[in-house]
Amino acid sequence: MNKSELIEALAQDINVPHREAAAIANTVIDTMTEALANGESIEIRGFGSFVIKEYDSYEGRNPKTGKKIQVKPKKLPFFKVGKDLREKVNKGK
């Protein structure tokens, strides 16, 4: 499912115009993005949680040349699936 399919499903499920469903979806996504950018975690019961993991710098290699390079420290979002979602996925529906 992509974003436009999500908006379409939202519009049909709650019977609102496509434009309103797009505004709702964009607000949710923007709010979650902003929270993660501020270092906050997000927990949606039954679905999962998003946290920011911090990675230290390390020495890597350029795959083309094989030359050693220093990789800068970074922060990346990480999703941990919730129990209800995991069980539904394993059941197949």
PDB file of N, CA and C in Angstrom:
ATOM      1  N   MET A   1       0.847  -1.179   0.000  1.00  0.00           N
ATOM      2  CA  MET A   1       0.000   0.000   0.000  1.00  0.00           C
ATOM      3  C   MET A   1       0.885   1.232   0.000  1.00  0.00           C
ATOM      4  N   ASN A   2       0.563   2.177  -0.859  1.00  0.00           N
ATOM      5  CA  ASN A   2       1.298   3.436  -0.865  1.00  0.00           C
ATOM      6  C   ASN A   2       0.414   4.542  -0.281  1.00  0.00           C
ATOM      7  N   LYS A   3       0.935   5.765  -0.242  1.00  0.00           N
ATOM      8  CA  LYS A   3       0.232   6.861   0.406  1.00  0.00           C
ATOM      9  C   LYS A   3      -1.111   7.157  -0.260  1.00  0.00           C
ATOM     10  N   SER A   4      -1.170   7.170  -1.588  1.00  0.00           N
ATOM     11  CA  SER A   4      -2.437   7.476  -2.257  1.00  0.00           C
ATOM     12  C   SER A   4      -3.473   6.377  -2.025  1.00  0.00           C
ATOM     13  N   GLU A   5      -3.034   5.127  -1.920  1.00  0.00           N
ATOM     14  CA  GLU A   5      -3.965   4.046  -1.606  1.00  0.00           C
ATOM     15  C   GLU A   5      -4.477   4.177  -0.164  1.00  0.00           C
ATOM     16  N   LEU A   6      -3.616   4.614   0.737  1.00  0.00           N
ATOM     17  CA  LEU A   6      -4.021   4.852   2.121  1.00  0.00           C
ATOM     18  C   LEU A   6      -5.074   5.956   2.170  1.00  0.00           C
ATOM     19  N   ILE A   7      -4.844   7.034   1.443  1.00  0.00           N
ATOM     20  CA  ILE A   7      -5.792   8.150   1.415  1.00  0.00           C
ATOM     21  C   ILE A   7      -7.130   7.686   0.850  1.00  0.00           C
ATOM     22  N   GLU A   8      -7.100   6.908  -0.211  1.00  0.00           N
ATOM     23  CA  GLU A   8      -8.330   6.393  -0.819  1.00  0.00           C
ATOM     24  C   GLU A   8      -9.096   5.506   0.159  1.00  0.00           C
ATOM     25  N   ALA A   9      -8.397   4.618   0.868  1.00  0.00           N
ATOM     26  CA  ALA A   9      -9.037   3.740   1.847  1.00  0.00           C
ATOM     27  C   ALA A   9      -9.635   4.557   2.990  1.00  0.00           C
ATOM     28  N   LEU A  10      -8.927   5.574   3.428  1.00  0.00           N
ATOM     29  CA  LEU A  10      -9.406   6.441   4.498  1.00  0.00           C
ATOM     30  C   LEU A  10     -10.672   7.174   4.061  1.00  0.00           C
ATOM     31  N   ALA A  11     -10.672   7.700   2.847  1.00  0.00           N
ATOM     32  CA  ALA A  11     -11.833   8.419   2.323  1.00  0.00           C
ATOM     33  C   ALA A  11     -13.057   7.507   2.266  1.00  0.00           C
ATOM     34  N   GLN A  12     -12.866   6.272   1.855  1.00  0.00           N
ATOM     35  CA  GLN A  12     -13.981   5.330   1.753  1.00  0.00           C
ATOM     36  C   GLN A  12     -14.455   4.867   3.130  1.00  0.00           C
ATOM     37  N   ASP A  13     -13.507   4.565   4.025  1.00  0.00           N
ATOM     38  CA  ASP A  13     -13.870   4.033   5.339  1.00  0.00           C
ATOM     39  C   ASP A  13     -14.657   5.019   6.192  1.00  0.00           C
ATOM     40  N   ILE A  14     -14.269   6.284   6.169  1.00  0.00           N
ATOM     41  CA  ILE A  14     -14.969   7.260   7.019  1.00  0.00           C
ATOM     42  C   ILE A  14     -15.866   8.192   6.206  1.00  0.00           C
ATOM     43  N   ASN A  15     -16.019   7.870   4.923  1.00  0.00           N
ATOM     44  CA  ASN A  15     -16.948   8.579   4.049  1.00  0.00           C
ATOM     45  C   ASN A  15     -16.719  10.089   4.053  1.00  0.00           C
ATOM     46  N   VAL A  16     -15.494  10.485   3.737  1.00  0.00           N
ATOM     47  CA  VAL A  16     -15.155  11.907   3.614  1.00  0.00           C
ATOM     48  C   VAL A  16     -14.584  12.155   2.218  1.00  0.00           C
ATOM     49  N   PRO A  17     -14.608  13.409   1.767  1.00  0.00           N
ATOM     50  CA  PRO A  17     -14.027  13.712   0.453  1.00  0.00           C
ATOM     51  C   PRO A  17     -12.533  13.375   0.418  1.00  0.00           C
ATOM     52  N   HIS A  18     -12.054  13.070  -0.772  1.00  0.00           N
ATOM     53  CA  HIS A  18     -10.647  12.693  -0.969  1.00  0.00           C
ATOM     54  C   HIS A  18      -9.706  13.763  -0.419  1.00  0.00           C
ATOM     55  N   ARG A  19     -10.034  15.017  -0.647  1.00  0.00           N
ATOM     56  CA  ARG A  19      -9.185  16.127  -0.182  1.00  0.00           C
ATOM     57  C   ARG A  19      -9.071  16.133   1.342  1.00  0.00           C
ATOM     58  N   GLU A  20     -10.161  15.871   2.033  1.00  0.00           N
ATOM     59  CA  GLU A  20     -10.154  15.840   3.496  1.00  0.00           C
ATOM     60  C   GLU A  20      -9.362  14.639   4.009  1.00  0.00           C
ATOM     61  N   ALA A  21      -9.533  13.497   3.358  1.00  0.00           N
ATOM     62  CA  ALA A  21      -8.779  12.300   3.740  1.00  0.00           C
ATOM     63  C   ALA A  21      -7.282  12.525   3.544  1.00  0.00           C
ATOM     64  N   ALA A  22      -6.916  13.218   2.466  1.00  0.00           N
ATOM     65  CA  ALA A  22      -5.503  13.525   2.212  1.00  0.00           C
ATOM     66  C   ALA A  22      -4.952  14.435   3.303  1.00  0.00           C
ATOM     67  N   ALA A  23      -5.750  15.410   3.734  1.00  0.00           N
ATOM     68  CA  ALA A  23      -5.310  16.318   4.800  1.00  0.00           C
ATOM     69  C   ALA A  23      -5.103  15.555   6.105  1.00  0.00           C
ATOM     70  N   ILE A  24      -6.005  14.622   6.408  1.00  0.00           N
ATOM     71  CA  ILE A  24      -5.887  13.822   7.635  1.00  0.00           C
ATOM     72  C   ILE A  24      -4.624  12.957   7.584  1.00  0.00           C
ATOM     73  N   ALA A  25      -4.435  12.246   6.478  1.00  0.00           N
ATOM     74  CA  ALA A  25      -3.259  11.380   6.342  1.00  0.00           C
ATOM     75  C   ALA A  25      -1.974  12.188   6.414  1.00  0.00           C
ATOM     76  N   ASN A  26      -1.932  13.323   5.722  1.00  0.00           N
ATOM     77  CA  ASN A  26      -0.728  14.164   5.733  1.00  0.00           C
ATOM     78  C   ASN A  26      -0.440  14.705   7.129  1.00  0.00           C
ATOM     79  N   THR A  27      -1.485  15.070   7.870  1.00  0.00           N
ATOM     80  CA  THR A  27      -1.295  15.568   9.235  1.00  0.00           C
ATOM     81  C   THR A  27      -0.695  14.488  10.126  1.00  0.00           C
ATOM     82  N   VAL A  28      -1.213  13.270  10.025  1.00  0.00           N
ATOM     83  CA  VAL A  28      -0.691  12.159  10.840  1.00  0.00           C
ATOM     84  C   VAL A  28       0.774  11.892  10.486  1.00  0.00           C
ATOM     85  N   ILE A  29       1.069  11.796   9.204  1.00  0.00           N
ATOM     86  CA  ILE A  29       2.441  11.502   8.766  1.00  0.00           C
ATOM     87  C   ILE A  29       3.390  12.632   9.158  1.00  0.00           C
ATOM     88  N   ASP A  30       2.970  13.882   8.949  1.00  0.00           N
ATOM     89  CA  ASP A  30       3.821  15.028   9.301  1.00  0.00           C
ATOM     90  C   ASP A  30       4.073  15.096  10.804  1.00  0.00           C
ATOM     91  N   THR A  31       3.043  14.818  11.594  1.00  0.00           N
ATOM     92  CA  THR A  31       3.189  14.852  13.056  1.00  0.00           C
ATOM     93  C   THR A  31       4.148  13.765  13.534  1.00  0.00           C
ATOM     94  N   MET A  32       4.019  12.572  12.959  1.00  0.00           N
ATOM     95  CA  MET A  32       4.928  11.482  13.325  1.00  0.00           C
ATOM     96  C   MET A  32       6.358  11.806  12.906  1.00  0.00           C
ATOM     97  N   THR A  33       6.522  12.358  11.707  1.00  0.00           N
ATOM     98  CA  THR A  33       7.851  12.722  11.212  1.00  0.00           C
ATOM     99  C   THR A  33       8.494  13.765  12.121  1.00  0.00           C
ATOM    100  N   GLU A  34       7.719  14.767  12.507  1.00  0.00           N
ATOM    101  CA  GLU A  34       8.237  15.827  13.382  1.00  0.00           C
ATOM    102  C   GLU A  34       8.636  15.275  14.744  1.00  0.00           C
ATOM    103  N   ALA A  35       7.819  14.383  15.292  1.00  0.00           N
ATOM    104  CA  ALA A  35       8.140  13.783  16.594  1.00  0.00           C
ATOM    105  C   ALA A  35       9.451  13.008  16.513  1.00  0.00           C
ATOM    106  N   LEU A  36       9.633  12.205  15.474  1.00  0.00           N
ATOM    107  CA  LEU A  36      10.869  11.436  15.323  1.00  0.00           C
ATOM    108  C   LEU A  36      12.064  12.361  15.107  1.00  0.00           C
ATOM    109  N   ALA A  37      11.873  13.422  14.329  1.00  0.00           N
ATOM    110  CA  ALA A  37      12.957  14.376  14.088  1.00  0.00           C
ATOM    111  C   ALA A  37      13.388  15.061  15.385  1.00  0.00           C
ATOM    112  N   ASN A  38      12.450  15.217  16.324  1.00  0.00           N
ATOM    113  CA  ASN A  38      12.755  15.817  17.631  1.00  0.00           C
ATOM    114  C   ASN A  38      13.278  14.802  18.642  1.00  0.00           C
ATOM    115  N   GLY A  39      13.488  13.559  18.200  1.00  0.00           N
ATOM    116  CA  GLY A  39      14.051  12.541  19.074  1.00  0.00           C
ATOM    117  C   GLY A  39      13.029  11.831  19.938  1.00  0.00           C
ATOM    118  N   GLU A  40      11.747  12.084  19.707  1.00  0.00           N
ATOM    119  CA  GLU A  40      10.698  11.429  20.480  1.00  0.00           C
ATOM    120  C   GLU A  40      10.405  10.054  19.893  1.00  0.00           C
ATOM    121  N   SER A  41       9.847   9.177  20.701  1.00  0.00           N
ATOM    122  CA  SER A  41       9.414   7.884  20.189  1.00  0.00           C
ATOM    123  C   SER A  41       7.898   7.925  20.009  1.00  0.00           C
ATOM    124  N   ILE A  42       7.383   7.010  19.209  1.00  0.00           N
ATOM    125  CA  ILE A  42       5.956   6.938  18.922  1.00  0.00           C
ATOM    126  C   ILE A  42       5.504   5.522  19.220  1.00  0.00           C
ATOM    127  N   GLU A  43       4.437   5.392  19.981  1.00  0.00           N
ATOM    128  CA  GLU A  43       3.906   4.062  20.276  1.00  0.00           C
ATOM    129  C   GLU A  43       2.424   4.027  19.907  1.00  0.00           C
ATOM    130  N   ILE A  44       2.062   3.092  19.036  1.00  0.00           N
ATOM    131  CA  ILE A  44       0.680   2.896  18.648  1.00  0.00           C
ATOM    132  C   ILE A  44       0.309   1.484  19.104  1.00  0.00           C
ATOM    133  N   ARG A  45      -0.456   1.390  20.165  1.00  0.00           N
ATOM    134  CA  ARG A  45      -0.802   0.092  20.768  1.00  0.00           C
ATOM    135  C   ARG A  45      -1.411  -0.843  19.727  1.00  0.00           C
ATOM    136  N   GLY A  46      -0.932  -2.069  19.719  1.00  0.00           N
ATOM    137  CA  GLY A  46      -1.433  -3.071  18.796  1.00  0.00           C
ATOM    138  C   GLY A  46      -0.790  -3.028  17.429  1.00  0.00           C
ATOM    139  N   PHE A  47      -0.117  -1.919  17.109  1.00  0.00           N
ATOM    140  CA  PHE A  47       0.525  -1.778  15.801  1.00  0.00           C
ATOM    141  C   PHE A  47       2.038  -1.884  15.927  1.00  0.00           C
ATOM    142  N   GLY A  48       2.618  -1.004  16.731  1.00  0.00           N
ATOM    143  CA  GLY A  48       4.063  -1.034  16.928  1.00  0.00           C
ATOM    144  C   GLY A  48       4.572   0.292  17.446  1.00  0.00           C
ATOM    145  N   SER A  49       5.881   0.407  17.495  1.00  0.00           N
ATOM    146  CA  SER A  49       6.489   1.640  17.980  1.00  0.00           C
ATOM    147  C   SER A  49       7.651   2.032  17.084  1.00  0.00           C
ATOM    148  N   PHE A  50       7.853   3.329  17.004  1.00  0.00           N
ATOM    149  CA  PHE A  50       8.971   3.903  16.261  1.00  0.00           C
ATOM    150  C   PHE A  50       9.893   4.554  17.270  1.00  0.00           C
ATOM    151  N   VAL A  51      11.166   4.243  17.193  1.00  0.00           N
ATOM    152  CA  VAL A  51      12.166   4.858  18.063  1.00  0.00           C
ATOM    153  C   VAL A  51      13.343   5.291  17.198  1.00  0.00           C
ATOM    154  N   ILE A  52      14.136   6.172  17.740  1.00  0.00           N
ATOM    155  CA  ILE A  52      15.346   6.615  17.053  1.00  0.00           C
ATOM    156  C   ILE A  52      16.517   5.852  17.645  1.00  0.00           C
ATOM    157  N   LYS A  53      17.269   5.183  16.780  1.00  0.00           N
ATOM    158  CA  LYS A  53      18.481   4.492  17.218  1.00  0.00           C
ATOM    159  C   LYS A  53      19.683   5.319  16.782  1.00  0.00           C
ATOM    160  N   GLU A  54      20.630   5.448  17.692  1.00  0.00           N
ATOM    161  CA  GLU A  54      21.852   6.201  17.396  1.00  0.00           C
ATOM    162  C   GLU A  54      22.981   5.224  17.102  1.00  0.00           C
ATOM    163  N   TYR A  55      23.690   5.488  16.042  1.00  0.00           N
ATOM    164  CA  TYR A  55      24.809   4.660  15.630  1.00  0.00           C
ATOM    165  C   TYR A  55      26.093   5.478  15.709  1.00  0.00           C
ATOM    166  N   ASP A  56      27.130   4.901  16.309  1.00  0.00           N
ATOM    167  CA  ASP A  56      28.425   5.570  16.410  1.00  0.00           C
ATOM    168  C   ASP A  56      29.115   5.571  15.054  1.00  0.00           C
ATOM    169  N   SER A  57      30.144   6.388  14.953  1.00  0.00           N
ATOM    170  CA  SER A  57      30.925   6.387  13.723  1.00  0.00           C
ATOM    171  C   SER A  57      31.734   5.085  13.660  1.00  0.00           C
ATOM    172  N   TYR A  58      32.077   4.695  12.458  1.00  0.00           N
ATOM    173  CA  TYR A  58      32.870   3.486  12.279  1.00  0.00           C
ATOM    174  C   TYR A  58      33.668   3.598  10.990  1.00  0.00           C
ATOM    175  N   GLU A  59      34.622   2.702  10.856  1.00  0.00           N
ATOM    176  CA  GLU A  59      35.445   2.689   9.652  1.00  0.00           C
ATOM    177  C   GLU A  59      34.833   1.718   8.653  1.00  0.00           C
ATOM    178  N   GLY A  60      34.501   2.237   7.480  1.00  0.00           N
ATOM    179  CA  GLY A  60      33.916   1.405   6.435  1.00  0.00           C
ATOM    180  C   GLY A  60      34.817   1.388   5.219  1.00  0.00           C
ATOM    181  N   ARG A  61      34.321   0.798   4.152  1.00  0.00           N
ATOM    182  CA  ARG A  61      35.079   0.737   2.902  1.00  0.00           C
ATOM    183  C   ARG A  61      34.214   1.203   1.752  1.00  0.00           C
ATOM    184  N   ASN A  62      34.834   1.933   0.847  1.00  0.00           N
ATOM    185  CA  ASN A  62      34.169   2.316  -0.383  1.00  0.00           C
ATOM    186  C   ASN A  62      34.054   1.054  -1.236  1.00  0.00           C
ATOM    187  N   PRO A  63      32.832   0.645  -1.622  1.00  0.00           N
ATOM    188  CA  PRO A  63      32.686  -0.614  -2.353  1.00  0.00           C
ATOM    189  C   PRO A  63      33.342  -0.610  -3.738  1.00  0.00           C
ATOM    190  N   LYS A  64      33.487   0.549  -4.344  1.00  0.00           N
ATOM    191  CA  LYS A  64      34.105   0.613  -5.677  1.00  0.00           C
ATOM    192  C   LYS A  64      35.621   0.516  -5.611  1.00  0.00           C
ATOM    193  N   THR A  65      36.207   1.269  -4.662  1.00  0.00           N
ATOM    194  CA  THR A  65      37.672   1.345  -4.621  1.00  0.00           C
ATOM    195  C   THR A  65      38.291   0.469  -3.534  1.00  0.00           C
ATOM    196  N   GLY A  66      37.501   0.116  -2.520  1.00  0.00           N
ATOM    197  CA  GLY A  66      38.041  -0.655  -1.409  1.00  0.00           C
ATOM    198  C   GLY A  66      38.765   0.220  -0.404  1.00  0.00           C
ATOM    199  N   LYS A  67      38.828   1.525  -0.665  1.00  0.00           N
ATOM    200  CA  LYS A  67      39.516   2.463   0.223  1.00  0.00           C
ATOM    201  C   LYS A  67      38.744   2.623   1.536  1.00  0.00           C
ATOM    202  N   LYS A  68      39.491   2.687   2.647  1.00  0.00           N
ATOM    203  CA  LYS A  68      38.865   2.872   3.957  1.00  0.00           C
ATOM    204  C   LYS A  68      38.326   4.288   4.068  1.00  0.00           C
ATOM    205  N   ILE A  69      37.131   4.404   4.655  1.00  0.00           N
ATOM    206  CA  ILE A  69      36.525   5.717   4.893  1.00  0.00           C
ATOM    207  C   ILE A  69      35.929   5.731   6.293  1.00  0.00           C
ATOM    208  N   GLN A  70      35.829   6.924   6.864  1.00  0.00           N
ATOM    209  CA  GLN A  70      35.226   7.081   8.179  1.00  0.00           C
ATOM    210  C   GLN A  70      33.749   7.428   7.973  1.00  0.00           C
ATOM    211  N   VAL A  71      32.861   6.600   8.496  1.00  0.00           N
ATOM    212  CA  VAL A  71      31.422   6.839   8.395  1.00  0.00           C
ATOM    213  C   VAL A  71      31.007   7.631   9.630  1.00  0.00           C
ATOM    214  N   LYS A  72      30.307   8.746   9.412  1.00  0.00           N
ATOM    215  CA  LYS A  72      29.897   9.629  10.500  1.00  0.00           C
ATOM    216  C   LYS A  72      28.822   8.970  11.358  1.00  0.00           C
ATOM    217  N   PRO A  73      28.730   9.394  12.632  1.00  0.00           N
ATOM    218  CA  PRO A  73      27.642   8.879  13.471  1.00  0.00           C
ATOM    219  C   PRO A  73      26.303   9.315  12.887  1.00  0.00           C
ATOM    220  N   LYS A  74      25.266   8.515  13.123  1.00  0.00           N
ATOM    221  CA  LYS A  74      23.966   8.866  12.552  1.00  0.00           C
ATOM    222  C   LYS A  74      22.844   8.371  13.454  1.00  0.00           C
ATOM    223  N   LYS A  75      21.675   8.923  13.212  1.00  0.00           N
ATOM    224  CA  LYS A  75      20.456   8.511  13.900  1.00  0.00           C
ATOM    225  C   LYS A  75      19.498   8.022  12.829  1.00  0.00           C
ATOM    226  N   LEU A  76      18.856   6.882  13.087  1.00  0.00           N
ATOM    227  CA  LEU A  76      17.903   6.329  12.131  1.00  0.00           C
ATOM    228  C   LEU A  76      16.637   5.880  12.847  1.00  0.00           C
ATOM    229  N   PRO A  77      15.473   6.081  12.212  1.00  0.00           N
ATOM    230  CA  PRO A  77      14.248   5.571  12.812  1.00  0.00           C
ATOM    231  C   PRO A  77      14.201   4.056  12.708  1.00  0.00           C
ATOM    232  N   PHE A  78      13.637   3.430  13.715  1.00  0.00           N
ATOM    233  CA  PHE A  78      13.533   1.975  13.776  1.00  0.00           C
ATOM    234  C   PHE A  78      12.112   1.630  14.182  1.00  0.00           C
ATOM    235  N   PHE A  79      11.500   0.663  13.491  1.00  0.00           N
ATOM    236  CA  PHE A  79      10.141   0.236  13.803  1.00  0.00           C
ATOM    237  C   PHE A  79      10.176  -1.114  14.480  1.00  0.00           C
ATOM    238  N   LYS A  80       9.479  -1.204  15.603  1.00  0.00           N
ATOM    239  CA  LYS A  80       9.345  -2.487  16.296  1.00  0.00           C
ATOM    240  C   LYS A  80       7.874  -2.869  16.255  1.00  0.00           C
ATOM    241  N   VAL A  81       7.580  -3.990  15.644  1.00  0.00           N
ATOM    242  CA  VAL A  81       6.195  -4.426  15.446  1.00  0.00           C
ATOM    243  C   VAL A  81       5.535  -4.796  16.770  1.00  0.00           C
ATOM    244  N   GLY A  82       4.242  -4.463  16.885  1.00  0.00           N
ATOM    245  CA  GLY A  82       3.473  -4.796  18.077  1.00  0.00           C
ATOM    246  C   GLY A  82       2.962  -6.233  18.025  1.00  0.00           C
ATOM    247  N   LYS A  83       2.572  -6.739  19.166  1.00  0.00           N
ATOM    248  CA  LYS A  83       2.141  -8.129  19.284  1.00  0.00           C
ATOM    249  C   LYS A  83       0.923  -8.433  18.408  1.00  0.00           C
ATOM    250  N   ASP A  84      -0.094  -7.565  18.427  1.00  0.00           N
ATOM    251  CA  ASP A  84      -1.317  -7.808  17.646  1.00  0.00           C
ATOM    252  C   ASP A  84      -1.014  -7.855  16.150  1.00  0.00           C
ATOM    253  N   LEU A  85      -0.211  -6.917  15.667  1.00  0.00           N
ATOM    254  CA  LEU A  85       0.139  -6.888  14.247  1.00  0.00           C
ATOM    255  C   LEU A  85       0.957  -8.117  13.867  1.00  0.00           C
ATOM    256  N   ARG A  86       1.912  -8.477  14.703  1.00  0.00           N
ATOM    257  CA  ARG A  86       2.743  -9.653  14.432  1.00  0.00           C
ATOM    258  C   ARG A  86       1.885 -10.904  14.312  1.00  0.00           C
ATOM    259  N   GLU A  87       0.927 -11.047  15.226  1.00  0.00           N
ATOM    260  CA  GLU A  87       0.044 -12.213  15.204  1.00  0.00           C
ATOM    261  C   GLU A  87      -0.837 -12.229  13.952  1.00  0.00           C
ATOM    262  N   LYS A  88      -1.366 -11.061  13.558  1.00  0.00           N
ATOM    263  CA  LYS A  88      -2.184 -11.001  12.349  1.00  0.00           C
ATOM    264  C   LYS A  88      -1.384 -11.342  11.111  1.00  0.00           C
ATOM    265  N   VAL A  89      -0.164 -10.848  11.027  1.00  0.00           N
ATOM    266  CA  VAL A  89       0.692 -11.118   9.875  1.00  0.00           C
ATOM    267  C   VAL A  89       1.017 -12.612   9.809  1.00  0.00           C
ATOM    268  N   ASN A  90       1.295 -13.219  10.944  1.00  0.00           N
ATOM    269  CA  ASN A  90       1.632 -14.635  10.973  1.00  0.00           C
ATOM    270  C   ASN A  90       0.440 -15.522  10.636  1.00  0.00           C
ATOM    271  N   LYS A  91      -0.780 -15.061  10.965  1.00  0.00           N
ATOM    272  CA  LYS A  91      -1.991 -15.799  10.625  1.00  0.00           C
ATOM    273  C   LYS A  91      -2.276 -15.700   9.135  1.00  0.00           C
ATOM    274  N   GLY A  92      -1.887 -14.581   8.529  1.00  0.00           N
ATOM    275  CA  GLY A  92      -2.189 -14.367   7.115  1.00  0.00           C
ATOM    276  C   GLY A  92      -3.410 -13.503   6.908  1.00  0.00           C
ATOM    277  N   LYS A  93      -4.031 -13.014   7.952  1.00  0.00           N
ATOM    278  CA  LYS A  93      -5.149 -12.047   7.884  1.00  0.00           C
ATOM    279  C   LYS A  93      -5.691 -11.801   9.211  1.00  0.00           C
TER     280      LYS A  93
END
